[in-house]
Protein backbone atom coordinates (compact mmCIF):
# COMPACT_ATOMS: atom_id res chain seq x y z
CA MET A 1 76.72 113.89 108.89
CA ILE A 2 76.44 110.12 109.04
CA ASP A 3 76.58 109.95 105.28
CA THR A 4 79.83 111.90 105.38
CA PHE A 5 81.71 110.03 108.11
CA PHE A 6 80.28 106.54 107.69
CA ASN A 7 79.91 106.36 103.99
CA PRO A 8 81.09 102.88 102.84
CA GLN A 9 82.29 104.18 99.54
CA ILE A 10 84.50 106.81 101.10
CA ILE A 11 85.81 104.29 103.64
CA ALA A 12 86.63 101.82 100.88
CA ALA A 13 88.38 104.50 98.80
CA SER A 14 90.44 105.79 101.66
CA TRP A 15 91.27 102.39 103.23
CA PRO A 16 94.50 101.85 101.25
CA ILE A 17 95.79 105.26 102.44
CA VAL A 18 95.04 104.44 106.03
CA VAL A 19 96.78 101.01 105.82
CA ALA A 20 99.81 102.65 104.15
CA GLY A 21 99.95 105.17 107.01
CA LEU A 22 99.73 102.41 109.59
CA ARG A 23 102.48 100.49 107.87
CA ASN A 24 104.68 103.55 107.85
CA THR A 25 103.98 104.18 111.54
CA VAL A 26 104.91 100.66 112.58
CA LEU A 27 108.13 100.64 110.53
CA LEU A 28 109.24 104.02 111.87
CA SER A 29 108.44 102.83 115.45
CA LEU A 30 110.55 99.71 114.83
CA LEU A 31 113.40 101.95 113.86
CA VAL A 32 113.06 104.83 116.33
CA VAL A 33 112.39 102.91 119.59
CA PRO A 34 115.61 100.88 119.55
CA LEU A 35 117.60 103.97 118.51
CA GLY A 36 116.07 105.88 121.41
CA LEU A 37 116.83 103.12 123.89
CA LEU A 38 120.43 103.05 122.71
CA GLY A 39 120.81 106.84 122.81
CA GLY A 40 119.20 106.99 126.29
CA LEU A 41 121.52 104.26 127.60
CA GLY A 42 124.53 106.07 126.16
CA LEU A 43 123.45 109.39 127.81
CA ALA A 44 122.82 107.57 131.08
CA LEU A 45 126.32 105.99 131.00
CA LEU A 46 127.84 109.36 130.23
CA ALA A 47 126.02 110.88 133.18
CA SER A 48 127.88 108.65 135.47
CA VAL A 49 131.25 110.03 134.43
CA LYS A 50 133.16 111.83 137.16
CA TYR A 51 134.42 114.63 135.00
CA PRO A 52 132.21 117.85 135.21
CA ALA A 53 133.38 118.78 131.67
CA VAL A 54 131.33 115.81 130.44
CA ARG A 55 128.43 116.00 132.98
CA TRP A 56 127.52 119.58 132.70
CA PRO A 57 127.06 119.76 128.84
CA LEU A 58 125.17 116.46 129.07
CA ARG A 59 122.93 117.84 131.82
CA ALA A 60 122.24 120.88 129.69
CA TRP A 61 121.42 118.75 126.71
CA VAL A 62 119.01 116.53 128.67
CA ASP A 63 117.31 119.58 130.31
CA PHE A 64 116.95 121.29 127.05
CA PHE A 65 115.09 118.34 125.44
CA ARG A 66 113.04 117.72 128.59
CA ALA A 67 111.56 121.29 128.24
CA PHE A 68 110.00 120.34 124.85
CA PRO A 69 106.97 118.04 124.61
């Protein structure tokens, strides 16, 4: 088992794939986190509107997505 998981040749061969995946993860995080913050801020501002016709669909939208992990 040690030869399979800690084999230096396999680690060296797969290292570029791991680095590419890490790079993609960081780039997607840099894109998604600010968009999520802006979207959340927009929803929070809409939740403070006095009109029920705006608040109720927004509340349903938020509750729907809260139910999913």
